[in-house]
Amino acid sequence: MSNEVDAKTARERAKAIAEQRRAERRNRKRKCVVCGVEESDKTPFHAHPEGIGPACKDEVACLSRKAAGGR
C-alpha cells in the first residue's frame, strides 16, 4: 500500500515540476540572434531569413545596435 502512495506522490510532484518549467519557459523573454536585445513592444521580432532564430523586424536599427554594442 505504501508503494502505491509513494508512486502517486512522486507522479504528482513530477507533474508540478513540469508545469512550473512550462510556465517559466512561457514567461522567458526572447533575445534577437543578431544584436541580443530582448523582445518588447518597441522591438517586435520575426523569424530570421536564414532560419537561425528570432530577429528584430527593423533590420537597420538591429544592425546599428549590434555595431554600437561591439565598441
C-alpha atoms as a PDB file:
ATOM      1  CA  MET A   1       0.000   0.000   0.000  1.00  0.00           C
ATOM      2  CA  SER A   2       2.782   2.460   0.858  1.00  0.00           C
ATOM      3  CA  ASN A   3       4.430   1.817  -2.532  1.00  0.00           C
ATOM      4  CA  GLU A   4       1.238   2.956  -4.257  1.00  0.00           C
ATOM      5  CA  VAL A   5       1.081   6.106  -2.138  1.00  0.00           C
ATOM      6  CA  ASP A   6       4.770   6.856  -2.758  1.00  0.00           C
ATOM      7  CA  ALA A   7       4.326   6.371  -6.509  1.00  0.00           C
ATOM      8  CA  LYS A   8       1.286   8.642  -6.532  1.00  0.00           C
ATOM      9  CA  THR A   9       3.049  11.435  -4.644  1.00  0.00           C
ATOM     10  CA  ALA A  10       6.091  11.078  -6.909  1.00  0.00           C
ATOM     11  CA  ARG A  11       3.878  11.435 -10.019  1.00  0.00           C
ATOM     12  CA  GLU A  12       2.122  14.478  -8.552  1.00  0.00           C
ATOM     13  CA  ARG A  13       5.469  16.077  -7.703  1.00  0.00           C
ATOM     14  CA  ALA A  14       6.782  15.391 -11.211  1.00  0.00           C
ATOM     15  CA  LYS A  15       3.649  16.963 -12.717  1.00  0.00           C
ATOM     16  CA  ALA A  16       4.064  20.055 -10.540  1.00  0.00           C
ATOM     17  CA  ILE A  17       7.723  20.422 -11.534  1.00  0.00           C
ATOM     18  CA  ALA A  18       6.872  20.017 -15.225  1.00  0.00           C
ATOM     19  CA  GLU A  19       4.126  22.637 -15.020  1.00  0.00           C
ATOM     20  CA  GLN A  20       6.480  25.063 -13.270  1.00  0.00           C
ATOM     21  CA  ARG A  21       9.093  24.589 -16.024  1.00  0.00           C
ATOM     22  CA  ARG A  22       6.465  25.147 -18.734  1.00  0.00           C
ATOM     23  CA  ALA A  23       5.350  28.378 -17.033  1.00  0.00           C
ATOM     24  CA  GLU A  24       8.951  29.623 -16.785  1.00  0.00           C
ATOM     25  CA  ARG A  25       9.519  28.834 -20.473  1.00  0.00           C
ATOM     26  CA  ARG A  26       6.389  30.791 -21.470  1.00  0.00           C
ATOM     27  CA  ASN A  27       7.409  33.848 -19.435  1.00  0.00           C
ATOM     28  CA  ARG A  28      11.023  33.950 -20.608  1.00  0.00           C
ATOM     29  CA  LYS A  29      11.956  36.891 -22.833  1.00  0.00           C
ATOM     30  CA  ARG A  30      13.302  36.052 -26.283  1.00  0.00           C
ATOM     31  CA  LYS A  31      16.525  37.699 -27.491  1.00  0.00           C
ATOM     32  CA  CYS A  32      17.470  38.729 -31.022  1.00  0.00           C
ATOM     33  CA  VAL A  33      20.095  36.424 -32.545  1.00  0.00           C
ATOM     34  CA  VAL A  34      21.786  39.354 -34.292  1.00  0.00           C
ATOM     35  CA  CYS A  35      22.010  42.170 -31.737  1.00  0.00           C
ATOM     36  CA  GLY A  36      20.957  40.432 -28.489  1.00  0.00           C
ATOM     37  CA  VAL A  37      18.196  42.881 -27.469  1.00  0.00           C
ATOM     38  CA  GLU A  38      15.160  41.446 -25.628  1.00  0.00           C
ATOM     39  CA  GLU A  39      11.783  41.391 -27.353  1.00  0.00           C
ATOM     40  CA  SER A  40       9.368  44.184 -26.418  1.00  0.00           C
ATOM     41  CA  ASP A  41       6.615  46.325 -27.926  1.00  0.00           C
ATOM     42  CA  LYS A  42       9.248  48.686 -29.333  1.00  0.00           C
ATOM     43  CA  THR A  43      11.342  45.862 -30.807  1.00  0.00           C
ATOM     44  CA  PRO A  44       8.994  43.186 -32.164  1.00  0.00           C
ATOM     45  CA  PHE A  45      10.573  40.034 -33.579  1.00  0.00           C
ATOM     46  CA  HIS A  46      10.046  37.860 -36.636  1.00  0.00           C
ATOM     47  CA  ALA A  47      11.797  34.774 -37.970  1.00  0.00           C
ATOM     48  CA  HIS A  48      15.324  35.404 -39.240  1.00  0.00           C
ATOM     49  CA  PRO A  49      15.547  34.876 -43.031  1.00  0.00           C
ATOM     50  CA  GLU A  50      18.346  32.324 -42.611  1.00  0.00           C
ATOM     51  CA  GLY A  51      16.342  30.381 -40.028  1.00  0.00           C
ATOM     52  CA  ILE A  52      18.768  30.882 -37.137  1.00  0.00           C
ATOM     53  CA  GLY A  53      16.159  32.180 -34.667  1.00  0.00           C
ATOM     54  CA  PRO A  54      14.171  35.293 -33.781  1.00  0.00           C
ATOM     55  CA  ALA A  55      15.427  38.640 -35.090  1.00  0.00           C
ATOM     56  CA  CYS A  56      14.316  42.276 -34.912  1.00  0.00           C
ATOM     57  CA  LYS A  57      11.811  43.381 -37.550  1.00  0.00           C
ATOM     58  CA  ASP A  58      13.643  46.679 -38.098  1.00  0.00           C
ATOM     59  CA  GLU A  59      16.871  45.408 -39.630  1.00  0.00           C
ATOM     60  CA  VAL A  60      18.561  48.836 -39.790  1.00  0.00           C
ATOM     61  CA  ALA A  61      18.034  49.517 -36.082  1.00  0.00           C
ATOM     62  CA  CYS A  62      19.138  45.978 -35.263  1.00  0.00           C
ATOM     63  CA  LEU A  63      22.405  46.342 -37.155  1.00  0.00           C
ATOM     64  CA  SER A  64      23.065  49.754 -35.567  1.00  0.00           C
ATOM     65  CA  ARG A  65      22.538  48.234 -32.079  1.00  0.00           C
ATOM     66  CA  LYS A  66      24.938  45.434 -32.989  1.00  0.00           C
ATOM     67  CA  ALA A  67      27.558  47.941 -34.175  1.00  0.00           C
ATOM     68  CA  ALA A  68      27.132  50.100 -31.054  1.00  0.00           C
ATOM     69  CA  GLY A  69      27.457  47.056 -28.786  1.00  0.00           C
ATOM     70  CA  GLY A  70      30.705  45.967 -30.413  1.00  0.00           C
ATOM     71  CA  ARG A  71      32.588  49.104 -29.388  1.00  0.00           C
END
